[in-house]
Amino acid sequence: MTRIHLGLDVGSTTVKLVALNSSYDLIYSTYQRHYSDVKNSVKEVVLDAYKRFKNERITIMVTGSGGLSVQKWLDISFIQEVVASTTGIKKFIPETDVAIELGGEDAKITYLDGNVEQRMNSICAGGTGAFIDQMASLLETNAAGLNELANKHKVIYPIASRCGVFAKTDIQALINQGASKEDIAASVFQSVVNQTISTLACGRPIKGRVAFLGGPLHFLSGLRERYIDTLELKDDEVIFPENSQLFVAIGAAVASTEEKVISFEELKNRLMDLNKPIESEIKNIRPLFMDENELEQFRKQHETKKMSYKDIGTHSGKAFLGIDAGSTTTKAVLIDEDNNILFSYYGSNKGKPLDLVIKIIKEIYAKLPDGEKITYSAVTGYGEDFIKAALNIDMGEVETMAHYKAAQFFQPEVDFILDIGGQDMKCMKIKDGGIDSILLNEACS
């Protein structure tokens, strides 16, 4: 009876399972997103492999950021992913001097020339697959679409990658300035490269024969090109192995050869026990509201002055438009002389704030009776200057003052304002009818 070596990589966003034969040939593999349903995804990939190897005896090891829980569930050995990756590199691409590997929420550099040195990102997922997915959504595409765009770029812009929110701010500014999606896509990839080099290499040169591993570097050719260009690598210095997206799982399979041999049937039986309730390792806290009565009581305690709504279709007289062009959303309100709301809007700008404001204004005029006009307009928020200049808005207002004016309208004696927006958080202390002090987040959003 042959012996099969399995490597299970349970990452932050994907599950990978590989099977090697006794000659270390890859005879089976699967790669799929788990969408945070780790337990069922692990069951699915293992049972799929069981259909093919049900009569085989196996060794198995699990790795990845979600591997420790799976280790307990299935009673199998765990190997740290950097160690698993290094094991795979030494076995299949021993000529590697430096390996760069990107995952869903982690990034790793392994130096193999001389003493092995392994470096991995800590708590921040900047410059990883999740970061790329997030930036792609800003351009209304996915990672594959981002790759297609990047392959047609002409210019590279500086974009922060240490924090996804900072990157969004940079991208939003580029969109507002008319930069092409192709150039922004390539710039996102370049920011990932810069993040890897600055935070993981930390001044140590990445040179010699460099291997590119992990899902993002396997599927995104544009990302690999940014690394190759930045590091000025020659063709014979680039190592891009087959099945590079599976390399951590492959390393776990190689390492499993020293583990206890069991039947695949036994592993399957352990898997079936996952249907039994498992004690949660997550501690729960009391919900904000235990029931509808508590929620209703809270609402009554915090009722404030409410504005009335009137039908815009029957409006006659002056009308005043306020626009808040925020970092991620655009808000607009049209009121009459008595502060009745005629029209309101709140929605994502989808990276096109000007187009959205134009759409809003057109919708207002379509609903206003013939001959009625917007008497006066004001704009605030991140896009204040841009929107004001583009549409000849009457005035721009600093958002802190705009917020204070609104708070004073609802609560004349207001003395403290807390404002949580798309990328900023502010608290304002009011004294003697004016803003006495402002505290604003400066580093992280």
Protein backbone atom coordinates (compact mmCIF):
# COMPACT_ATOMS: atom_id res chain seq x y z
CA MET A 1 0.00 0.00 0.00
CA THR A 2 1.42 3.37 -0.99
CA ARG A 3 1.84 6.27 1.38
CA ILE A 4 0.55 9.77 0.63
CA HIS A 5 1.89 12.94 2.28
CA LEU A 6 -0.68 15.70 2.81
CA GLY A 7 -0.08 19.38 3.51
CA LEU A 8 -3.02 21.52 4.63
CA ASP A 9 -2.54 25.30 4.57
CA VAL A 10 -5.37 27.18 6.28
CA GLY A 11 -4.65 30.82 5.56
CA SER A 12 -6.45 34.03 6.42
CA THR A 13 -8.51 33.95 3.23
CA THR A 14 -7.89 30.58 1.53
CA VAL A 15 -7.54 26.84 2.19
CA LYS A 16 -4.99 24.82 0.25
CA LEU A 17 -4.50 21.05 0.33
CA VAL A 18 -1.78 19.15 -1.52
CA ALA A 19 -0.85 15.49 -1.77
CA LEU A 20 2.67 14.23 -2.55
CA ASN A 21 3.59 10.64 -3.36
CA SER A 22 6.64 8.86 -1.95
CA SER A 23 8.78 10.47 -4.69
CA TYR A 24 7.54 13.95 -3.66
CA ASP A 25 5.62 14.42 -6.89
CA LEU A 26 2.53 16.60 -6.60
CA ILE A 27 -0.37 14.27 -7.37
CA TYR A 28 -3.26 16.33 -6.05
CA SER A 29 -3.97 19.93 -5.10
CA THR A 30 -6.83 22.28 -4.37
CA TYR A 31 -6.96 26.02 -3.68
CA GLN A 32 -10.12 27.85 -2.64
CA ARG A 33 -11.31 30.82 -0.62
CA HIS A 34 -12.98 29.95 2.68
CA TYR A 35 -14.90 33.23 3.16
CA SER A 36 -14.32 32.91 6.95
CA ASP A 37 -16.12 29.53 7.07
CA VAL A 38 -12.93 27.65 7.90
CA LYS A 39 -14.47 24.53 9.40
CA ASN A 40 -16.71 23.70 6.43
CA SER A 41 -14.02 24.64 3.91
CA VAL A 42 -11.53 22.28 5.57
CA LYS A 43 -14.14 19.52 5.56
CA GLU A 44 -14.87 20.13 1.91
CA VAL A 45 -11.25 19.98 0.68
CA VAL A 46 -10.31 16.98 2.84
CA LEU A 47 -13.40 14.97 1.88
CA ASP A 48 -12.79 15.77 -1.78
CA ALA A 49 -9.27 14.34 -1.47
CA TYR A 50 -10.64 11.35 0.47
CA LYS A 51 -12.77 10.34 -2.52
CA ARG A 52 -9.55 9.86 -4.47
CA PHE A 53 -7.27 8.42 -1.77
CA LYS A 54 -9.72 6.67 0.58
CA ASN A 55 -7.73 3.43 0.69
CA GLU A 56 -4.35 5.09 1.21
CA ARG A 57 -2.28 5.53 4.34
CA ILE A 58 -1.22 9.11 4.90
CA THR A 59 0.88 11.55 6.86
CA ILE A 60 -0.41 15.07 7.33
CA MET A 61 0.58 18.43 8.78
CA VAL A 62 -1.37 21.67 8.94
CA THR A 63 0.00 25.20 8.67
CA GLY A 64 -1.21 28.76 8.19
CA SER A 65 -2.79 31.45 10.34
CA GLY A 66 -5.87 29.28 10.91
CA GLY A 67 -3.93 26.07 11.36
CA LEU A 68 -3.78 25.99 15.17
CA SER A 69 -7.55 25.58 15.47
CA VAL A 70 -7.55 22.85 12.80
CA GLN A 71 -4.73 21.12 14.68
CA LYS A 72 -7.02 20.80 17.71
CA TRP A 73 -10.06 19.78 15.67
CA LEU A 74 -8.30 16.99 13.76
CA ASP A 75 -5.55 16.08 16.24
CA ILE A 76 -2.79 16.54 13.67
CA SER A 77 0.59 18.26 13.94
CA PHE A 78 1.08 21.96 13.20
CA ILE A 79 4.06 23.58 11.47
CA GLN A 80 4.61 27.35 11.40
CA GLU A 81 4.06 28.67 7.88
CA VAL A 82 7.48 30.33 7.50
CA VAL A 83 9.13 27.04 8.47
CA ALA A 84 6.85 25.15 6.07
CA SER A 85 7.69 27.54 3.25
CA THR A 86 11.42 27.19 3.92
CA THR A 87 11.08 23.40 3.94
CA GLY A 88 9.43 23.48 0.52
CA ILE A 89 12.02 25.89 -0.87
CA LYS A 90 14.97 23.75 0.26
CA LYS A 91 13.37 20.64 -1.23
CA PHE A 92 12.23 21.94 -4.63
CA ILE A 93 14.09 25.20 -5.41
CA PRO A 94 17.31 24.97 -3.34
CA GLU A 95 19.05 27.45 -5.64
CA THR A 96 16.93 30.25 -4.12
CA ASP A 97 18.83 33.06 -2.38
CA VAL A 98 15.76 35.07 -1.29
CA ALA A 99 12.08 34.10 -1.28
CA ILE A 100 9.28 36.66 -1.26
CA GLU A 101 5.88 35.28 -0.37
CA LEU A 102 2.58 37.13 -0.13
CA GLY A 103 -0.58 35.67 1.35
CA GLY A 104 -4.05 36.93 2.14
CA GLU A 105 -2.99 38.88 5.22
CA ASP A 106 0.71 38.15 5.60
CA ALA A 107 3.96 38.90 3.83
CA LYS A 108 7.22 37.03 4.26
CA ILE A 109 10.84 37.32 3.16
CA THR A 110 13.20 34.39 3.67
CA TYR A 111 16.93 34.85 3.15
CA LEU A 112 18.58 31.51 2.37
CA ASP A 113 22.04 32.64 1.25
CA GLY A 114 24.23 31.83 4.25
CA ASN A 115 22.36 31.60 7.53
CA VAL A 116 18.61 31.27 7.02
CA GLU A 117 16.76 34.41 8.13
CA GLN A 118 12.97 34.56 8.08
CA ARG A 119 10.95 37.76 8.34
CA MET A 120 7.18 38.17 8.51
CA ASN A 121 4.75 41.04 8.96
CA SER A 122 3.27 41.33 12.44
CA ILE A 123 -0.17 42.82 13.11
CA CYS A 124 -0.72 44.92 9.98
CA ALA A 125 -1.97 43.44 6.71
CA GLY A 126 -0.76 46.37 4.61
CA GLY A 127 0.84 45.22 1.37
CA THR A 128 -0.83 41.77 1.29
CA GLY A 129 -3.58 40.07 -0.68
CA ALA A 130 -6.33 41.57 1.47
CA PHE A 131 -4.86 45.02 0.86
CA ILE A 132 -4.90 44.41 -2.91
CA ASP A 133 -8.54 43.23 -2.79
CA GLN A 134 -9.51 46.35 -0.86
CA MET A 135 -7.77 48.68 -3.30
CA ALA A 136 -9.32 46.86 -6.26
CA SER A 137 -12.80 47.48 -4.86
CA LEU A 138 -12.07 51.23 -4.91
CA LEU A 139 -11.65 50.96 -8.67
CA GLU A 140 -14.82 48.84 -8.90
CA THR A 141 -12.96 45.68 -9.92
CA ASN A 142 -11.29 42.65 -8.36
CA ALA A 143 -7.64 41.57 -8.08
CA ALA A 144 -7.66 40.05 -11.57
CA GLY A 145 -9.17 43.23 -13.00
CA LEU A 146 -6.56 45.28 -11.19
CA ASN A 147 -3.90 43.15 -12.83
CA GLU A 148 -5.34 43.74 -16.30
CA LEU A 149 -5.40 47.48 -15.69
CA ALA A 150 -1.84 47.56 -14.35
CA ASN A 151 -0.48 45.85 -17.46
CA LYS A 152 -1.53 48.97 -19.47
CA HIS A 153 -0.06 51.60 -17.13
CA LYS A 154 2.14 54.52 -18.18
CA VAL A 155 2.86 56.36 -14.92
CA ILE A 156 3.54 55.26 -11.33
CA TYR A 157 2.25 57.44 -8.47
CA PRO A 158 3.25 57.25 -4.80
CA ILE A 159 0.59 55.46 -2.72
CA ALA A 160 0.88 54.59 0.98
CA SER A 161 0.54 50.89 1.75
CA ARG A 162 1.30 50.75 5.47
CA CYS A 163 -2.40 51.34 6.10
CA GLY A 164 -5.29 50.56 3.77
CA VAL A 165 -7.09 53.73 4.79
CA PHE A 166 -4.07 55.90 3.98
CA ALA A 167 -3.87 54.20 0.60
CA LYS A 168 -7.56 54.95 0.02
CA THR A 169 -6.87 58.61 0.76
CA ASP A 170 -4.06 58.69 -1.81
CA ILE A 171 -6.14 56.84 -4.39
CA GLN A 172 -9.14 59.09 -3.81
CA ALA A 173 -6.95 62.14 -4.46
CA LEU A 174 -5.59 60.58 -7.67
CA ILE A 175 -9.12 59.80 -8.87
CA ASN A 176 -10.20 63.35 -8.12
CA GLN A 177 -7.24 64.65 -10.11
CA GLY A 178 -8.16 62.56 -13.14
CA ALA A 179 -5.46 59.86 -12.96
CA SER A 180 -6.23 56.81 -15.11
CA LYS A 181 -7.31 53.55 -13.49
CA GLU A 182 -4.44 51.80 -15.28
CA ASP A 183 -1.86 54.05 -13.62
CA ILE A 184 -3.56 53.79 -10.23
CA ALA A 185 -3.63 49.97 -10.47
CA ALA A 186 0.10 49.77 -11.21
CA SER A 187 0.75 52.26 -8.42
CA VAL A 188 -1.12 50.00 -5.98
CA PHE A 189 1.17 47.11 -6.95
CA GLN A 190 4.21 49.37 -6.57
CA SER A 191 3.05 50.34 -3.08
CA VAL A 192 2.97 46.63 -2.15
CA VAL A 193 6.56 46.29 -3.37
CA ASN A 194 7.61 49.34 -1.37
CA GLN A 195 5.91 47.94 1.73
CA THR A 196 7.73 44.62 1.45
CA ILE A 197 11.12 46.21 0.93
CA SER A 198 10.77 48.90 3.60
CA THR A 199 9.18 46.90 6.43
CA LEU A 200 10.56 43.39 5.89
CA ALA A 201 13.91 43.82 4.14
CA CYS A 202 14.72 46.81 6.40
CA GLY A 203 17.82 47.72 4.42
CA ARG A 204 19.11 44.19 3.78
CA PRO A 205 19.51 43.79 0.02
CA ILE A 206 17.20 41.47 -1.88
CA LYS A 207 19.59 40.12 -4.46
CA GLY A 208 20.70 36.95 -6.16
CA ARG A 209 18.09 34.43 -7.26
CA VAL A 210 14.71 35.55 -5.97
CA ALA A 211 11.69 33.24 -5.74
CA PHE A 212 8.14 34.60 -5.89
CA LEU A 213 5.61 32.56 -3.91
CA GLY A 214 2.04 32.78 -2.66
CA GLY A 215 -1.35 33.41 -4.24
CA PRO A 216 -1.05 37.14 -5.06
CA LEU A 217 2.35 36.70 -6.74
CA HIS A 218 1.14 33.58 -8.57
CA PHE A 219 -2.02 35.08 -10.02
CA LEU A 220 -0.96 38.72 -10.52
CA SER A 221 1.70 39.05 -13.21
CA GLY A 222 1.61 42.84 -12.90
CA LEU A 223 2.62 42.59 -9.25
CA ARG A 224 5.56 40.31 -10.09
CA GLU A 225 6.68 42.77 -12.76
CA ARG A 226 6.76 45.61 -10.23
CA TYR A 227 9.03 43.53 -7.97
CA ILE A 228 11.30 42.53 -10.85
CA ASP A 229 11.62 46.10 -12.11
CA THR A 230 12.16 47.59 -8.65
CA LEU A 231 14.78 45.00 -7.67
CA GLU A 232 16.34 45.21 -11.15
CA LEU A 233 16.40 41.42 -11.48
CA LYS A 234 17.71 39.70 -14.58
CA ASP A 235 15.81 36.84 -16.20
CA ASP A 236 18.11 34.19 -14.71
CA GLU A 237 17.61 35.69 -11.24
CA VAL A 238 13.82 35.26 -11.24
CA ILE A 239 12.46 31.98 -9.84
CA PHE A 240 8.75 31.46 -10.40
CA PRO A 241 8.08 27.79 -9.66
CA GLU A 242 5.09 25.84 -10.84
CA ASN A 243 2.35 25.76 -8.18
CA SER A 244 3.94 28.69 -6.37
CA GLN A 245 0.56 29.48 -4.78
CA LEU A 246 0.71 26.11 -2.97
CA PHE A 247 4.27 26.26 -1.70
CA VAL A 248 3.47 26.56 2.01
CA ALA A 249 1.14 23.57 1.80
CA ILE A 250 3.79 21.66 -0.17
CA GLY A 251 6.34 22.43 2.56
CA ALA A 252 3.91 21.11 5.19
CA ALA A 253 3.47 17.92 3.18
CA VAL A 254 7.24 17.43 2.97
CA ALA A 255 7.60 18.00 6.71
CA SER A 256 4.80 15.52 7.41
CA THR A 257 6.96 12.62 6.22
CA GLU A 258 8.35 12.44 9.77
CA GLU A 259 4.85 12.24 11.29
CA LYS A 260 2.86 9.21 12.40
CA VAL A 261 1.21 7.31 9.54
CA ILE A 262 -2.58 6.97 9.74
CA SER A 263 -5.25 5.77 7.37
CA PHE A 264 -7.17 8.35 5.37
CA GLU A 265 -10.28 6.66 6.79
CA GLU A 266 -9.21 7.67 10.30
CA LEU A 267 -8.69 11.29 9.23
CA LYS A 268 -12.13 11.23 7.63
CA ASN A 269 -13.68 9.97 10.86
CA ARG A 270 -12.05 12.79 12.82
CA LEU A 271 -13.44 15.18 10.26
CA MET A 272 -16.94 13.82 10.77
CA ASP A 273 -16.65 14.58 14.49
CA LEU A 274 -16.55 18.26 13.55
CA ASN A 275 -20.33 18.00 13.25
CA LYS A 276 -20.39 17.81 17.03
CA PRO A 277 -20.49 21.13 18.90
CA ILE A 278 -17.02 22.52 19.61
CA GLU A 279 -16.48 24.73 22.61
CA SER A 280 -15.91 28.24 21.32
CA GLU A 281 -12.57 29.88 22.08
CA ILE A 282 -14.15 33.30 21.58
CA LYS A 283 -15.36 35.14 24.66
CA ASN A 284 -18.67 36.91 24.24
CA ILE A 285 -19.63 40.24 25.77
CA ARG A 286 -23.08 41.52 26.56
CA PRO A 287 -24.93 42.91 23.50
CA LEU A 288 -25.59 46.64 23.51
CA PHE A 289 -29.31 45.85 23.59
CA MET A 290 -30.69 42.57 24.88
CA ASP A 291 -34.08 43.07 23.23
CA GLU A 292 -36.27 45.52 21.33
CA ASN A 293 -37.47 47.14 24.58
CA GLU A 294 -33.93 48.14 25.57
CA LEU A 295 -33.33 49.56 22.09
CA GLU A 296 -36.55 51.56 22.18
CA GLN A 297 -35.74 52.89 25.66
CA PHE A 298 -32.30 53.99 24.45
CA ARG A 299 -33.85 55.82 21.49
CA LYS A 300 -36.31 57.68 23.70
CA GLN A 301 -33.53 58.76 26.05
CA HIS A 302 -31.51 60.18 23.17
CA GLU A 303 -34.20 61.84 21.08
CA THR A 304 -33.14 65.18 19.67
CA LYS A 305 -34.77 67.87 17.64
CA LYS A 306 -36.11 66.46 14.40
CA MET A 307 -36.44 68.17 11.04
CA SER A 308 -39.62 68.00 9.01
CA TYR A 309 -39.83 66.78 5.44
CA LYS A 310 -41.77 68.51 2.69
CA ASP A 311 -42.58 67.44 -0.85
CA ILE A 312 -39.99 68.88 -3.23
CA GLY A 313 -42.51 68.63 -6.05
CA THR A 314 -44.75 71.29 -4.48
CA HIS A 315 -41.97 73.60 -3.25
CA SER A 316 -42.08 77.30 -4.01
CA GLY A 317 -39.52 79.85 -2.85
CA LYS A 318 -35.90 79.75 -1.82
CA ALA A 319 -33.98 76.49 -1.50
CA PHE A 320 -30.54 75.91 0.02
CA LEU A 321 -28.20 73.04 -0.86
CA GLY A 322 -25.56 71.59 1.45
CA ILE A 323 -23.03 69.05 0.17
CA ASP A 324 -20.60 66.98 2.28
CA ALA A 325 -18.04 65.44 -0.05
CA GLY A 326 -16.42 62.98 2.35
CA SER A 327 -13.55 60.55 1.90
CA THR A 328 -15.80 57.60 1.13
CA THR A 329 -19.37 58.93 1.00
CA THR A 330 -21.21 61.94 -0.36
CA LYS A 331 -24.11 63.53 1.52
CA ALA A 332 -26.46 66.23 0.23
CA VAL A 333 -29.44 68.03 1.77
CA LEU A 334 -31.78 70.59 0.18
CA ILE A 335 -33.82 72.67 2.65
CA ASP A 336 -36.34 75.50 2.38
CA GLU A 337 -36.40 78.79 4.31
CA ASP A 338 -38.08 77.10 7.27
CA ASN A 339 -35.45 74.35 7.49
CA ASN A 340 -37.73 71.67 6.10
CA ILE A 341 -35.90 68.95 4.19
CA LEU A 342 -36.91 68.85 0.53
CA PHE A 343 -34.31 66.33 -0.63
CA SER A 344 -31.54 64.25 0.96
CA TYR A 345 -28.91 61.83 -0.26
CA TYR A 346 -26.32 59.58 1.43
CA GLY A 347 -24.22 57.09 -0.50
CA SER A 348 -20.78 55.88 -1.50
CA ASN A 349 -18.97 58.06 -4.04
CA LYS A 350 -17.48 54.90 -5.63
CA GLY A 351 -14.32 56.82 -6.44
CA LYS A 352 -16.20 59.36 -8.59
CA PRO A 353 -17.26 62.20 -6.26
CA LEU A 354 -17.78 64.82 -8.96
CA ASP A 355 -19.91 62.55 -11.14
CA LEU A 356 -22.05 61.71 -8.12
CA VAL A 357 -22.60 65.36 -7.12
CA ILE A 358 -23.59 66.22 -10.70
CA LYS A 359 -26.05 63.31 -10.64
CA ILE A 360 -27.50 64.54 -7.33
CA ILE A 361 -27.98 68.10 -8.62
CA LYS A 362 -29.62 66.85 -11.81
CA GLU A 363 -31.98 64.74 -9.73
CA ILE A 364 -32.89 67.76 -7.58
CA TYR A 365 -33.71 69.89 -10.62
CA ALA A 366 -35.71 67.05 -12.13
CA LYS A 367 -37.88 66.99 -9.00
CA LEU A 368 -38.20 70.74 -8.43
CA PRO A 369 -41.21 72.43 -10.07
CA ASP A 370 -40.47 74.33 -13.29
CA GLY A 371 -38.90 77.71 -12.62
CA GLU A 372 -37.70 76.86 -9.10
CA LYS A 373 -33.95 77.06 -8.51
CA ILE A 374 -31.31 76.38 -5.87
CA THR A 375 -30.89 79.78 -4.20
CA TYR A 376 -27.56 79.18 -2.47
CA SER A 377 -25.16 76.28 -2.07
CA ALA A 378 -22.31 75.28 0.24
CA VAL A 379 -19.88 72.38 0.26
CA THR A 380 -17.68 70.85 2.95
CA GLY A 381 -15.55 67.71 3.46
CA TYR A 382 -12.49 66.22 1.77
CA GLY A 383 -13.66 67.25 -1.69
CA GLU A 384 -14.64 70.81 -0.77
CA ASP A 385 -12.17 72.70 -2.98
CA PHE A 386 -12.53 70.27 -5.89
CA ILE A 387 -16.35 70.28 -5.95
CA LYS A 388 -16.55 74.03 -5.36
CA ALA A 389 -14.23 74.81 -8.27
CA ALA A 390 -15.81 72.29 -10.64
CA LEU A 391 -19.44 73.29 -10.09
CA ASN A 392 -19.08 76.93 -9.02
CA ILE A 393 -20.59 76.23 -5.60
CA ASP A 394 -21.28 79.50 -3.74
CA MET A 395 -19.16 78.77 -0.68
CA GLY A 396 -16.95 76.20 0.98
CA GLU A 397 -16.91 75.60 4.71
CA VAL A 398 -14.42 73.78 6.96
CA GLU A 399 -16.12 70.58 8.06
CA THR A 400 -15.59 71.23 11.78
CA MET A 401 -17.51 74.50 11.51
CA ALA A 402 -20.20 72.86 9.39
CA HIS A 403 -20.62 70.17 12.00
CA TYR A 404 -20.79 72.72 14.81
CA LYS A 405 -23.48 74.75 13.00
CA ALA A 406 -25.60 71.62 12.59
CA ALA A 407 -25.06 70.47 16.18
CA GLN A 408 -25.99 73.94 17.48
CA PHE A 409 -29.19 73.84 15.41
CA PHE A 410 -30.28 70.56 17.02
CA GLN A 411 -28.88 71.30 20.48
CA PRO A 412 -28.34 75.06 21.10
CA GLU A 413 -26.38 74.42 24.32
CA VAL A 414 -24.10 71.77 22.84
CA ASP A 415 -20.67 71.67 24.49
CA PHE A 416 -19.13 68.51 23.00
CA ILE A 417 -19.27 67.00 19.50
CA LEU A 418 -17.98 63.56 18.45
CA ASP A 419 -17.71 62.98 14.70
CA ILE A 420 -16.72 59.62 13.21
CA GLY A 421 -16.30 59.73 9.44
CA GLY A 422 -14.97 57.48 6.71
CA GLN A 423 -11.30 58.15 7.46
CA ASP A 424 -11.21 60.61 10.32
CA MET A 425 -12.45 60.92 13.87
CA LYS A 426 -12.85 64.27 15.61
CA CYS A 427 -13.97 65.51 18.99
CA MET A 428 -14.75 69.20 19.44
CA LYS A 429 -15.19 71.01 22.74
CA ILE A 430 -17.48 74.04 22.62
CA LYS A 431 -17.07 76.98 25.01
CA ASP A 432 -18.79 80.38 25.08
CA GLY A 433 -20.48 79.78 21.74
CA GLY A 434 -17.33 78.80 19.84
CA ILE A 435 -15.07 75.81 19.22
CA ASP A 436 -12.56 75.83 22.08
CA SER A 437 -10.46 72.81 21.07
CA ILE A 438 -10.37 70.06 18.44
CA LEU A 439 -8.76 66.62 18.67
CA LEU A 440 -8.27 64.75 15.39
CA ASN A 441 -6.77 61.34 14.64
CA GLU A 442 -3.41 61.85 12.94
CA ALA A 443 -1.84 58.48 12.21
CA CYS A 444 -4.28 55.60 11.91
CA SER A 445 -7.89 55.58 10.75
